[in-house]
């Protein structure tokens, strides 16, 4: 059931974004009473892309990508969205997330869904070609590729499983749950489903487009103004492009957008970020959290948590005076590995940063830290390759070289280092792959699988 329709206009330097939307009264915000569902201001801010394909950006407040947010807030959104997916879906079920923005969201939704569908597989798209020292291509074989046409980095890769049982389950999938932060046209959903069917998932019966916010209602509105309030009408419009598939959508908020260019907007030059190369820095072992089909996305978390705990003990001791450190040096060498992690040593303001697609294990780390501290603030956000202009929901921007060795610029938005006692920067590459900008900050702890 949808509430009454609202409208608003967002003014941006390159034009105006007119929105009509409705909240979803089937959604309980944070598990509270039915009437307290998500509002537009709970979910989104707005900014301007540095991208000639599309001038505006919906900036999520619950995703932990461009705006730091409490892990508990993210977890509530994951669970609330997963709860909208119906029971009794035909199995096998595949949950697929879109790189880079939605790989953590998809893992969170997948984990919540496994209380009802324990055998559901998770698989995320990626823009990082996979390789290892053995160069065993049988381990890292592509299943398919697809395009996200409006994106700053349009090409996506989807990998298959080297395990024959898992691969057989993947190809036999009857229900596809496609998870993304937002849908603006529905084109990416159609592209994904078409690519997967062509790659051998020919038993698909149902597709569930599962997004925090669904703006693709405007696709129907442009053709059927009188049906603009009908969510079913829009579902039919996308379903027409998915023959022999039962199509449904699930979201915390939905609506439609119209963009009007400002007179004589300044030309935009977009940084070069559209690559699916592997990069010169090798990926460390962080387990399988979704780049390949997986049942348990937390596979590598216990080891990564240990890496953090070990690194934090070293980091915390380095903050002591040289004299104290010298006096305790010999004793600490003997006792270091025996020490329990002392949560009392955690500071009051902690920011955990994931990096590009590597966000799920860092999110779990942030969530763990949140449970260890009672009077501390723990937030989560992530580094990204997405170029966004300052203004609107983007108040600050840090730029630096990527840690994959791709030679591209990465960004951290709404992060002011001095606001935090400790910034835990989580990477899947080596520590020395991290830009000097981060290495030079006294309050930054880099956590790497190669520690």
Protein backbone atom coordinates (compact mmCIF):
# COMPACT_ATOMS: atom_id res chain seq x y z
CA UNK A 1 0.00 0.00 0.00
CA UNK A 2 1.36 3.41 -0.98
CA UNK A 3 0.79 6.67 0.84
CA UNK A 4 -0.33 9.90 -0.78
CA UNK A 5 1.95 11.44 -3.35
CA UNK A 6 4.43 14.22 -2.51
CA UNK A 7 6.43 16.51 -4.75
CA UNK A 8 9.56 18.61 -4.40
CA UNK A 9 12.16 20.36 -6.55
CA UNK A 10 15.91 20.07 -6.00
CA UNK A 11 17.91 22.97 -7.43
CA UNK A 12 21.40 22.06 -8.61
CA UNK A 13 23.95 24.16 -10.52
CA UNK A 14 23.35 22.37 -13.82
CA UNK A 15 19.56 22.22 -13.59
CA UNK A 16 16.47 21.32 -11.59
CA UNK A 17 15.40 17.87 -10.42
CA UNK A 18 11.61 17.60 -9.99
CA UNK A 19 10.50 14.67 -7.86
CA UNK A 20 7.15 13.09 -7.14
CA UNK A 21 7.23 10.25 -4.64
CA UNK A 22 5.35 8.19 -2.11
CA UNK A 23 6.49 6.39 1.01
CA UNK A 24 5.85 2.69 1.43
CA UNK A 25 3.47 2.06 4.32
CA UNK A 26 4.27 -1.66 4.17
CA UNK A 27 7.71 -0.73 5.53
CA UNK A 28 8.34 -0.26 9.22
CA UNK A 29 11.28 2.03 9.82
CA UNK A 30 13.70 0.41 12.28
CA UNK A 31 11.04 -2.12 13.19
CA UNK A 32 8.92 0.53 14.90
CA UNK A 33 5.21 1.16 14.48
CA UNK A 34 3.63 0.88 11.05
CA UNK A 35 3.08 4.60 10.58
CA UNK A 36 6.75 5.46 11.06
CA UNK A 37 7.93 4.44 7.59
CA UNK A 38 10.88 5.94 5.74
CA UNK A 39 10.59 9.52 4.54
CA UNK A 40 12.57 11.11 1.70
CA UNK A 41 14.79 12.98 4.17
CA UNK A 42 15.56 9.71 6.00
CA UNK A 43 16.91 8.11 2.86
CA UNK A 44 18.36 10.69 0.51
CA UNK A 45 20.32 13.85 -0.09
CA UNK A 46 21.13 15.20 -3.55
CA UNK A 47 24.27 16.25 -5.37
CA UNK A 48 25.71 16.88 -8.81
CA UNK A 49 27.63 14.21 -10.69
CA UNK A 50 30.77 15.06 -12.62
CA UNK A 51 29.34 13.04 -15.46
CA UNK A 52 27.96 14.30 -18.79
CA UNK A 53 25.62 11.28 -19.02
CA UNK A 54 23.60 12.36 -16.00
CA UNK A 55 23.94 15.60 -14.04
CA UNK A 56 22.41 14.60 -10.69
CA UNK A 57 23.01 12.01 -8.01
CA UNK A 58 20.76 10.51 -5.35
CA UNK A 59 23.01 10.38 -2.27
CA UNK A 60 21.92 7.67 0.16
CA UNK A 61 21.90 8.40 3.89
CA UNK A 62 21.62 4.72 4.87
CA UNK A 63 24.08 3.05 2.50
CA UNK A 64 27.41 4.08 4.07
CA UNK A 65 29.01 5.11 0.78
CA UNK A 66 29.08 8.89 0.43
CA UNK A 67 27.72 9.90 3.85
CA UNK A 68 29.12 8.36 7.06
CA UNK A 69 26.38 6.54 8.95
CA UNK A 70 25.99 4.34 12.02
CA UNK A 71 26.26 0.61 11.18
CA UNK A 72 23.04 -0.03 13.12
CA UNK A 73 21.19 2.37 10.81
CA UNK A 74 22.54 0.50 7.80
CA UNK A 75 21.58 -2.85 9.28
CA UNK A 76 18.02 -1.64 9.90
CA UNK A 77 17.71 -0.59 6.25
CA UNK A 78 19.11 -3.94 5.05
CA UNK A 79 16.62 -5.86 7.18
CA UNK A 80 13.64 -3.62 6.43
CA UNK A 81 14.26 -3.98 2.71
CA UNK A 82 14.72 -7.76 2.91
CA UNK A 83 11.47 -8.07 4.85
CA UNK A 84 9.58 -6.74 1.82
CA UNK A 85 10.63 -9.74 -0.27
CA UNK A 86 7.77 -12.28 -0.17
CA UNK A 87 7.76 -15.77 1.26
CA UNK A 88 7.39 -18.96 -0.76
CA UNK A 89 9.56 -17.88 -3.69
CA UNK A 90 10.60 -20.67 -6.08
CA UNK A 91 14.11 -21.92 -5.36
CA UNK A 92 17.04 -21.91 -6.06
CA UNK A 93 17.31 -18.20 -5.31
CA UNK A 94 20.11 -15.89 -6.45
CA UNK A 95 20.68 -12.48 -4.82
CA UNK A 96 22.75 -10.25 -7.06
CA UNK A 97 24.17 -6.83 -6.16
CA UNK A 98 25.50 -4.03 -8.32
CA UNK A 99 29.09 -2.79 -8.01
CA UNK A 100 30.34 -0.71 -6.50
CA UNK A 101 27.65 1.10 -4.58
CA UNK A 102 25.37 -1.80 -3.69
CA UNK A 103 27.75 -4.68 -2.91
CA UNK A 104 27.39 -4.14 0.84
CA UNK A 105 23.64 -3.60 0.56
CA UNK A 106 23.21 -6.85 -1.36
CA UNK A 107 25.21 -8.79 1.22
CA UNK A 108 23.11 -7.30 4.01
CA UNK A 109 19.85 -8.12 2.25
CA UNK A 110 21.12 -11.61 1.42
CA UNK A 111 22.09 -12.24 5.04
CA UNK A 112 18.65 -11.12 6.24
CA UNK A 113 16.90 -13.25 3.61
CA UNK A 114 18.80 -16.36 4.71
CA UNK A 115 16.63 -16.56 7.82
CA UNK A 116 13.88 -17.59 5.37
CA UNK A 117 15.92 -18.82 2.43
CA UNK A 118 19.06 -20.42 3.94
CA UNK A 119 20.26 -21.79 0.60
CA UNK A 120 20.08 -18.52 -1.32
CA UNK A 121 23.29 -17.64 -3.16
CA UNK A 122 24.91 -14.20 -3.20
CA UNK A 123 26.74 -12.91 -6.27
CA UNK A 124 27.87 -9.34 -6.90
CA UNK A 125 28.95 -7.72 -10.11
CA UNK A 126 32.47 -6.28 -10.09
CA UNK A 127 34.62 -3.84 -12.02
CA UNK A 128 37.84 -5.49 -10.82
CA UNK A 129 39.07 -8.32 -13.04
CA UNK A 130 40.07 -11.22 -10.78
CA UNK A 131 43.50 -12.82 -10.82
CA UNK A 132 45.94 -14.48 -8.46
CA UNK A 133 49.55 -15.64 -8.44
CA UNK A 134 48.67 -19.01 -9.97
CA UNK A 135 46.93 -17.38 -12.96
CA UNK A 136 44.52 -20.32 -12.88
CA UNK A 137 41.80 -19.08 -15.19
CA UNK A 138 39.51 -21.99 -14.30
CA UNK A 139 39.15 -20.45 -10.82
CA UNK A 140 38.21 -17.02 -12.12
CA UNK A 141 36.04 -17.55 -15.18
CA UNK A 142 33.59 -14.91 -16.32
CA UNK A 143 29.95 -15.85 -16.44
CA UNK A 144 28.82 -12.73 -18.30
CA UNK A 145 29.11 -8.96 -18.58
CA UNK A 146 26.53 -6.20 -18.78
CA UNK A 147 26.35 -2.43 -19.07
CA UNK A 148 25.01 0.20 -16.66
CA UNK A 149 24.47 2.82 -19.31
CA UNK A 150 24.24 6.00 -17.22
CA UNK A 151 27.16 5.17 -14.93
CA UNK A 152 30.59 6.79 -14.70
CA UNK A 153 31.95 3.23 -15.14
CA UNK A 154 29.43 1.42 -17.28
CA UNK A 155 30.94 -2.05 -17.74
CA UNK A 156 30.28 -4.77 -15.13
CA UNK A 157 31.72 -8.28 -14.82
CA UNK A 158 29.91 -11.27 -13.27
CA UNK A 159 31.96 -14.35 -12.33
CA UNK A 160 30.90 -17.96 -12.07
CA UNK A 161 31.85 -20.54 -9.46
CA UNK A 162 34.72 -23.01 -9.75
CA UNK A 163 32.72 -25.36 -7.51
CA UNK A 164 30.55 -27.63 -9.67
CA UNK A 165 27.71 -27.93 -7.14
CA UNK A 166 27.52 -24.18 -6.58
CA UNK A 167 27.71 -23.50 -10.31
CA UNK A 168 24.90 -25.99 -11.00
CA UNK A 169 22.74 -24.25 -8.38
CA UNK A 170 23.54 -20.86 -9.91
CA UNK A 171 22.50 -21.95 -13.40
CA UNK A 172 19.32 -23.57 -12.02
CA UNK A 173 18.17 -20.35 -10.32
CA UNK A 174 14.42 -19.80 -10.53
CA UNK A 175 14.23 -16.52 -8.61
CA UNK A 176 16.56 -13.56 -9.09
CA UNK A 177 16.58 -10.87 -6.39
CA UNK A 178 18.42 -7.90 -7.88
CA UNK A 179 19.61 -5.49 -5.19
CA UNK A 180 20.64 -1.91 -5.89
CA UNK A 181 20.62 1.35 -4.00
CA UNK A 182 18.24 2.93 -6.49
CA UNK A 183 16.56 2.30 -9.82
CA UNK A 184 16.16 5.34 -12.03
CA UNK A 185 15.04 3.85 -15.37
CA UNK A 186 14.95 0.07 -14.95
CA UNK A 187 17.43 -0.33 -17.81
CA UNK A 188 20.15 -1.88 -15.63
CA UNK A 189 17.73 -4.48 -14.30
CA UNK A 190 16.74 -5.47 -17.82
CA UNK A 191 20.39 -5.59 -18.90
CA UNK A 192 21.33 -7.84 -15.96
CA UNK A 193 18.47 -10.27 -16.47
CA UNK A 194 19.09 -10.48 -20.22
CA UNK A 195 22.82 -11.11 -19.71
CA UNK A 196 22.20 -13.84 -17.10
CA UNK A 197 19.60 -15.61 -19.22
CA UNK A 198 21.95 -15.56 -22.19
CA UNK A 199 24.71 -16.95 -19.95
CA UNK A 200 22.69 -20.04 -19.05
CA UNK A 201 20.24 -19.01 -16.31
CA UNK A 202 17.39 -20.12 -18.54
CA UNK A 203 15.15 -21.42 -15.74
CA UNK A 204 14.41 -18.01 -14.24
CA UNK A 205 10.75 -17.63 -13.35
CA UNK A 206 10.73 -14.51 -11.18
CA UNK A 207 12.73 -11.28 -10.91
CA UNK A 208 12.45 -9.06 -7.83
CA UNK A 209 13.96 -5.58 -8.22
CA UNK A 210 14.84 -4.73 -4.61
CA UNK A 211 16.04 -1.17 -4.03
CA UNK A 212 16.23 1.40 -1.27
CA UNK A 213 14.52 3.88 -3.59
CA UNK A 214 12.83 3.17 -6.92
CA UNK A 215 12.60 6.17 -9.24
CA UNK A 216 11.77 4.20 -12.38
CA UNK A 217 8.11 5.10 -12.03
CA UNK A 218 8.85 7.96 -14.41
CA UNK A 219 9.24 5.44 -17.23
CA UNK A 220 5.54 4.73 -16.95
CA UNK A 221 4.63 8.35 -16.30
CA UNK A 222 6.13 9.53 -19.55
CA UNK A 223 3.76 7.23 -21.45
CA UNK A 224 0.73 7.02 -19.17
CA UNK A 225 0.23 10.17 -17.12
CA UNK A 226 -3.11 8.95 -15.79
CA UNK A 227 -1.50 5.81 -14.37
CA UNK A 228 1.28 7.65 -12.57
CA UNK A 229 0.01 6.64 -9.14
CA UNK A 230 -0.11 2.95 -10.00
CA UNK A 231 2.91 0.91 -8.96
CA UNK A 232 1.43 -2.12 -10.75
CA UNK A 233 1.31 -0.20 -14.02
CA UNK A 234 5.01 0.53 -13.79
CA UNK A 235 5.83 -3.06 -12.98
CA UNK A 236 4.02 -4.08 -16.15
CA UNK A 237 6.04 -1.57 -18.15
CA UNK A 238 9.39 -3.12 -17.13
CA UNK A 239 7.94 -6.62 -17.31
CA UNK A 240 7.20 -6.06 -20.99
CA UNK A 241 10.94 -6.06 -21.52
CA UNK A 242 11.38 -9.31 -19.57
CA UNK A 243 9.40 -11.95 -21.49
CA UNK A 244 8.18 -15.02 -19.59
CA UNK A 245 9.24 -13.55 -16.24
CA UNK A 246 7.08 -12.63 -13.26
CA UNK A 247 8.42 -9.20 -12.28
CA UNK A 248 7.99 -7.52 -8.88
CA UNK A 249 9.64 -4.60 -7.15
CA UNK A 250 10.32 -3.90 -3.48
CA UNK A 251 11.54 -0.59 -2.06
CA UNK A 252 11.49 1.70 0.95
CA UNK A 253 10.32 4.65 -1.15
CA UNK A 254 9.31 5.10 -4.79
CA UNK A 255 8.61 7.88 -7.22
CA UNK A 256 9.50 9.58 -10.47
CA UNK A 257 11.99 12.24 -11.54
CA UNK A 258 12.23 14.83 -14.27
CA UNK A 259 15.42 16.71 -15.01
CA UNK A 260 15.52 20.17 -16.62
CA UNK A 261 18.88 21.56 -17.75
CA UNK A 262 19.86 25.03 -16.64
CA UNK A 263 20.42 27.52 -19.47
CA UNK A 264 23.94 27.19 -20.88
CA UNK A 265 25.33 24.79 -18.27
CA UNK A 266 29.10 24.66 -17.98
CA UNK A 267 30.67 21.71 -19.83
CA UNK A 268 31.68 18.74 -17.69
CA UNK A 269 34.95 16.83 -17.96
CA UNK A 270 34.66 13.45 -16.26
CA UNK A 271 37.79 11.78 -14.82
CA UNK A 272 38.77 8.51 -16.47
CA UNK A 273 37.35 5.83 -14.16
CA UNK A 274 35.72 3.41 -16.60
CA UNK A 275 37.94 0.36 -16.42
CA UNK A 276 37.57 -3.29 -15.45
CA UNK A 277 41.30 -3.98 -15.27
CA UNK A 278 42.79 -5.81 -12.28
CA UNK A 279 45.37 -3.17 -11.36
CA UNK A 280 49.03 -3.63 -10.47
CA UNK A 281 48.44 -4.30 -6.75
CA UNK A 282 47.40 -7.87 -6.01
CA UNK A 283 44.30 -8.58 -3.95
CA UNK A 284 44.94 -10.24 -0.61
CA UNK A 285 42.91 -13.15 0.72
CA UNK A 286 39.70 -11.77 2.25
CA UNK A 287 37.61 -14.86 1.59
CA UNK A 288 34.63 -14.87 -0.74
CA UNK A 289 32.12 -12.14 0.15
CA UNK A 290 30.26 -12.15 -3.15
CA UNK A 291 32.54 -11.62 -6.14
CA UNK A 292 31.95 -15.30 -6.77
CA UNK A 293 28.74 -17.20 -5.92
CA UNK A 294 28.65 -17.86 -2.16
CA UNK A 295 26.27 -19.06 0.54
CA UNK A 296 28.11 -17.50 3.50
CA UNK A 297 29.27 -13.94 2.76
CA UNK A 298 30.95 -13.70 6.19
CA UNK A 299 33.48 -16.33 5.15
CA UNK A 300 36.53 -14.08 5.62
CA UNK A 301 35.36 -11.89 8.49
CA UNK A 302 36.88 -13.74 11.44
CA UNK A 303 40.33 -13.51 9.89
CA UNK A 304 39.88 -9.84 8.94
CA UNK A 305 38.72 -9.01 12.46
CA UNK A 306 41.90 -10.63 13.79
CA UNK A 307 43.94 -8.48 11.38
CA UNK A 308 42.26 -5.38 12.80
CA UNK A 309 42.75 -6.40 16.42
CA UNK A 310 46.43 -7.11 15.83
CA UNK A 311 46.96 -3.88 13.89
CA UNK A 312 45.10 -1.83 16.51
CA UNK A 313 47.28 -3.16 19.35
CA UNK A 314 50.39 -2.08 17.44
CA UNK A 315 48.80 1.24 16.48
CA UNK A 316 47.73 1.96 20.06
CA UNK A 317 51.16 1.18 21.47
CA UNK A 318 52.84 3.45 18.93
CA UNK A 319 50.75 6.30 20.30
CA UNK A 320 52.48 5.99 23.68
CA UNK A 321 55.60 8.00 24.48
CA UNK A 322 58.95 6.65 23.30
CA UNK A 323 60.08 6.22 26.89
CA UNK A 324 57.09 4.11 27.84
CA UNK A 325 57.51 2.09 24.70
CA UNK A 326 61.21 1.45 25.40
CA UNK A 327 60.59 0.36 29.00
CA UNK A 328 57.90 -2.11 27.97
CA UNK A 329 59.46 -3.34 24.76
CA UNK A 330 60.90 -6.64 25.95
CA UNK A 331 57.87 -7.56 28.02
CA UNK A 332 55.50 -6.72 25.18
CA UNK A 333 57.39 -8.91 22.72
CA UNK A 334 56.69 -11.89 24.97
CA UNK A 335 53.12 -10.98 25.82
CA UNK A 336 51.84 -9.43 22.60
CA UNK A 337 50.34 -12.52 21.02
CA UNK A 338 48.74 -13.56 24.32
CA UNK A 339 46.94 -10.29 24.93
CA UNK A 340 43.18 -10.17 24.70
CA UNK A 341 41.73 -7.30 22.72
CA UNK A 342 41.05 -4.48 25.18
CA UNK A 343 37.91 -2.68 24.03
CA UNK A 344 38.51 -0.04 26.72
CA UNK A 345 41.36 1.25 24.56
CA UNK A 346 38.98 2.16 21.73
CA UNK A 347 38.58 5.93 21.35
CA UNK A 348 35.33 7.89 21.42
CA UNK A 349 35.01 8.77 17.74
CA UNK A 350 35.68 5.97 15.23
CA UNK A 351 35.16 6.04 11.47
CA UNK A 352 35.54 2.80 9.52
CA UNK A 353 36.13 3.22 5.79
CA UNK A 354 35.66 0.49 3.23
CA UNK A 355 37.35 0.85 -0.14
CA UNK A 356 35.54 0.71 -3.47
CA UNK A 357 33.89 -2.74 -3.70
CA UNK A 358 35.53 -3.98 -0.50
CA UNK A 359 32.87 -2.84 1.94
CA UNK A 360 31.07 -5.87 3.38
CA UNK A 361 33.80 -7.11 5.73
CA UNK A 362 34.64 -3.51 6.74
CA UNK A 363 30.95 -2.95 7.51
CA UNK A 364 30.91 -6.08 9.68
CA UNK A 365 33.99 -4.70 11.45
CA UNK A 366 32.24 -1.36 12.04
CA UNK A 367 29.18 -3.20 13.33
CA UNK A 368 31.38 -5.23 15.68
CA UNK A 369 33.05 -2.05 16.95
CA UNK A 370 29.64 -0.50 17.55
CA UNK A 371 28.73 -3.43 19.80
CA UNK A 372 32.02 -3.11 21.73
CA UNK A 373 31.54 0.52 22.67
CA UNK A 374 28.80 2.08 24.78
CA UNK A 375 29.75 5.74 24.84
CA UNK A 376 31.51 5.99 21.48
CA UNK A 377 30.37 7.09 18.05
CA UNK A 378 31.07 4.57 15.29
CA UNK A 379 30.28 5.46 11.69
CA UNK A 380 30.88 3.71 8.39
CA UNK A 381 31.58 5.07 4.93
CA UNK A 382 33.72 4.13 1.93
CA UNK A 383 36.23 5.28 -0.64
CA UNK A 384 34.87 5.40 -4.18
CA UNK A 385 35.82 6.00 -7.78
CA UNK A 386 32.62 8.03 -8.34
CA UNK A 387 33.34 11.69 -9.22
CA UNK A 388 30.86 14.02 -7.47
CA UNK A 389 30.90 17.82 -7.29
CA UNK A 390 30.93 19.68 -4.00
CA UNK A 391 27.57 21.05 -2.95
CA UNK A 392 24.24 19.76 -1.69
CA UNK A 393 24.75 16.52 0.23
CA UNK A 394 28.50 16.61 -0.49
CA UNK A 395 30.14 19.00 1.96
CA UNK A 396 33.77 17.85 1.75
CA UNK A 397 35.86 15.85 -0.71
CA UNK A 398 39.23 14.14 -0.34
CA UNK A 399 40.97 12.95 -3.52
CA UNK A 400 43.90 10.54 -3.75
CA UNK A 401 45.35 7.72 -5.86
CA UNK A 402 43.50 4.41 -5.83
CA UNK A 403 44.97 1.49 -3.89
CA UNK A 404 44.56 -1.04 -6.72
CA UNK A 405 47.29 0.39 -8.93
CA UNK A 406 44.86 1.44 -11.65
CA UNK A 407 46.30 4.94 -11.81
CA UNK A 408 42.93 6.57 -11.20
CA UNK A 409 41.72 9.11 -8.66
CA UNK A 410 39.55 7.92 -5.79
CA UNK A 411 37.45 10.02 -3.43
CA UNK A 412 36.14 10.13 0.13
CA UNK A 413 33.12 12.37 0.64
CA UNK A 414 31.89 14.05 3.81
CA UNK A 415 34.96 12.85 5.70
CA UNK A 416 36.87 15.43 7.73
CA UNK A 417 39.82 13.54 9.28
CA UNK A 418 40.08 15.87 12.27
CA UNK A 419 36.53 14.94 13.31
CA UNK A 420 37.64 11.42 14.24
CA UNK A 421 39.93 10.02 16.91
CA UNK A 422 40.49 6.90 14.83
CA UNK A 423 39.91 6.24 11.13
CA UNK A 424 40.12 2.54 10.26
CA UNK A 425 40.86 2.34 6.54
CA UNK A 426 40.08 -1.16 5.30
CA UNK A 427 41.65 -2.34 2.05
CA UNK A 428 41.93 -5.67 0.25
CA UNK A 429 45.40 -4.82 -1.07
CA UNK A 430 48.69 -4.34 0.79
CA UNK A 431 49.26 -1.48 3.24
CA UNK A 432 51.86 0.12 0.98
CA UNK A 433 49.27 0.39 -1.81
CA UNK A 434 47.48 3.12 0.16
CA UNK A 435 48.10 6.71 -0.88
CA UNK A 436 50.50 8.82 1.19
CA UNK A 437 47.67 11.20 2.02
CA UNK A 438 46.19 8.55 4.31
CA UNK A 439 49.53 7.20 5.51
CA UNK A 440 50.56 10.66 6.73
CA UNK A 441 47.57 11.08 9.06
CA UNK A 442 48.32 10.15 12.68
CA UNK A 443 44.76 8.95 13.35
CA UNK A 444 44.52 6.56 10.38
CA UNK A 445 44.97 2.80 10.88
CA UNK A 446 45.20 0.84 7.63
CA UNK A 447 43.92 -2.74 7.91
CA UNK A 448 45.02 -5.10 5.17
CA UNK A 449 44.78 -8.88 4.67
CA UNK A 450 48.53 -8.91 4.07
CA UNK A 451 49.40 -7.64 7.58
